[in-house]
Amino acid sequence: MKIRSLLLPAVVAAALTVLIAPAAFAQQDPQADKKAEDAKKAEDAKKAEAKKKADAEKKKSGDRGVEPEEEGDK
């Protein structure tokens, strides 16, 4: 009988832990998603700025990005 009296509270505690733990993780996900989204936006902005600078450099140097035709294409 003593085993049952010790086992019951342990089972109840384990069940509560299983039910509560996912809820605790779910509350953290929106914050993590927002941080990841902000980081992605910042990275995209950096890439866009780098592309603008590269395009400006090409215009300054006169390079229009036209590749010469290969002899086999004629």
C-alpha atoms as a PDB file:
ATOM      1  CA  MET A   1       0.000   0.000   0.000  1.00  0.00           C
ATOM      2  CA  LYS A   2       2.896   2.381   0.675  1.00  0.00           C
ATOM      3  CA  ILE A   3       4.156   1.954  -2.878  1.00  0.00           C
ATOM      4  CA  ARG A   4       0.852   3.194  -4.272  1.00  0.00           C
ATOM      5  CA  SER A   5       0.841   6.183  -1.957  1.00  0.00           C
ATOM      6  CA  LEU A   6       4.341   7.123  -3.167  1.00  0.00           C
ATOM      7  CA  LEU A   7       3.690   6.295  -6.802  1.00  0.00           C
ATOM      8  CA  LEU A   8       0.511   8.339  -7.194  1.00  0.00           C
ATOM      9  CA  PRO A   9       2.089  11.757  -6.458  1.00  0.00           C
ATOM     10  CA  ALA A  10       5.014  10.925  -8.756  1.00  0.00           C
ATOM     11  CA  VAL A  11       2.652  10.039 -11.616  1.00  0.00           C
ATOM     12  CA  VAL A  12       0.629  13.201 -11.061  1.00  0.00           C
ATOM     13  CA  ALA A  13       3.792  15.335 -11.021  1.00  0.00           C
ATOM     14  CA  ALA A  14       5.053  13.685 -14.236  1.00  0.00           C
ATOM     15  CA  ALA A  15       1.714  14.243 -15.956  1.00  0.00           C
ATOM     16  CA  LEU A  16       1.680  17.911 -14.967  1.00  0.00           C
ATOM     17  CA  THR A  17       5.232  18.342 -16.223  1.00  0.00           C
ATOM     18  CA  VAL A  18       4.305  16.841 -19.586  1.00  0.00           C
ATOM     19  CA  LEU A  19       1.316  19.161 -19.858  1.00  0.00           C
ATOM     20  CA  ILE A  20       3.063  22.334 -18.681  1.00  0.00           C
ATOM     21  CA  ALA A  21       6.410  22.025 -20.502  1.00  0.00           C
ATOM     22  CA  PRO A  22       5.054  22.419 -24.072  1.00  0.00           C
ATOM     23  CA  ALA A  23       3.072  25.475 -23.012  1.00  0.00           C
ATOM     24  CA  ALA A  24       6.233  27.083 -21.643  1.00  0.00           C
ATOM     25  CA  PHE A  25       8.073  26.459 -24.920  1.00  0.00           C
ATOM     26  CA  ALA A  26       5.147  27.743 -26.973  1.00  0.00           C
ATOM     27  CA  GLN A  27       5.287  31.078 -25.175  1.00  0.00           C
ATOM     28  CA  GLN A  28       8.924  31.541 -26.190  1.00  0.00           C
ATOM     29  CA  ASP A  29       8.416  30.749 -29.889  1.00  0.00           C
ATOM     30  CA  PRO A  30       6.771  34.062 -30.937  1.00  0.00           C
ATOM     31  CA  GLN A  31       9.688  35.994 -29.483  1.00  0.00           C
ATOM     32  CA  ALA A  32      12.204  33.758 -31.208  1.00  0.00           C
ATOM     33  CA  ASP A  33      10.284  34.006 -34.482  1.00  0.00           C
ATOM     34  CA  LYS A  34      10.217  37.794 -34.247  1.00  0.00           C
ATOM     35  CA  LYS A  35      13.953  37.947 -33.590  1.00  0.00           C
ATOM     36  CA  ALA A  36      14.644  35.617 -36.513  1.00  0.00           C
ATOM     37  CA  GLU A  37      12.375  37.697 -38.751  1.00  0.00           C
ATOM     38  CA  ASP A  38      14.128  40.905 -37.719  1.00  0.00           C
ATOM     39  CA  ALA A  39      17.516  39.323 -38.372  1.00  0.00           C
ATOM     40  CA  LYS A  40      16.377  38.184 -41.821  1.00  0.00           C
ATOM     41  CA  LYS A  41      15.098  41.675 -42.650  1.00  0.00           C
ATOM     42  CA  ALA A  42      18.421  43.176 -41.597  1.00  0.00           C
ATOM     43  CA  GLU A  43      20.320  40.645 -43.702  1.00  0.00           C
ATOM     44  CA  ASP A  44      18.094  41.355 -46.710  1.00  0.00           C
ATOM     45  CA  ALA A  45      18.652  45.078 -46.266  1.00  0.00           C
ATOM     46  CA  LYS A  46      22.419  44.553 -46.201  1.00  0.00           C
ATOM     47  CA  LYS A  47      22.253  42.459 -49.371  1.00  0.00           C
ATOM     48  CA  ALA A  48      20.123  45.077 -51.119  1.00  0.00           C
ATOM     49  CA  GLU A  49      22.549  47.834 -50.127  1.00  0.00           C
ATOM     50  CA  ALA A  50      25.510  45.791 -51.356  1.00  0.00           C
ATOM     51  CA  LYS A  51      23.743  45.167 -54.669  1.00  0.00           C
ATOM     52  CA  LYS A  52      23.017  48.880 -55.068  1.00  0.00           C
ATOM     53  CA  LYS A  53      26.661  49.689 -54.453  1.00  0.00           C
ATOM     54  CA  ALA A  54      27.802  47.045 -56.935  1.00  0.00           C
ATOM     55  CA  ASP A  55      25.394  48.375 -59.573  1.00  0.00           C
ATOM     56  CA  ALA A  56      26.606  51.927 -58.962  1.00  0.00           C
ATOM     57  CA  GLU A  57      30.221  50.793 -59.360  1.00  0.00           C
ATOM     58  CA  LYS A  58      29.385  49.061 -62.629  1.00  0.00           C
ATOM     59  CA  LYS A  59      27.748  52.220 -63.968  1.00  0.00           C
ATOM     60  CA  LYS A  60      30.750  54.313 -62.942  1.00  0.00           C
ATOM     61  CA  SER A  61      33.237  51.984 -64.603  1.00  0.00           C
ATOM     62  CA  GLY A  62      31.166  51.768 -67.789  1.00  0.00           C
ATOM     63  CA  ASP A  63      30.800  48.005 -67.567  1.00  0.00           C
ATOM     64  CA  ARG A  64      27.343  47.111 -68.807  1.00  0.00           C
ATOM     65  CA  GLY A  65      27.660  43.419 -68.100  1.00  0.00           C
ATOM     66  CA  VAL A  66      27.523  42.416 -71.784  1.00  0.00           C
ATOM     67  CA  GLU A  67      29.494  39.285 -72.405  1.00  0.00           C
ATOM     68  CA  PRO A  68      31.233  38.786 -75.743  1.00  0.00           C
ATOM     69  CA  GLU A  69      29.629  36.347 -78.136  1.00  0.00           C
ATOM     70  CA  GLU A  70      31.260  32.989 -78.525  1.00  0.00           C
ATOM     71  CA  GLU A  71      32.292  31.909 -82.018  1.00  0.00           C
ATOM     72  CA  GLY A  72      30.000  28.878 -81.883  1.00  0.00           C
ATOM     73  CA  ASP A  73      26.909  31.102 -81.526  1.00  0.00           C
ATOM     74  CA  LYS A  74      27.290  32.761 -84.936  1.00  0.00           C
END
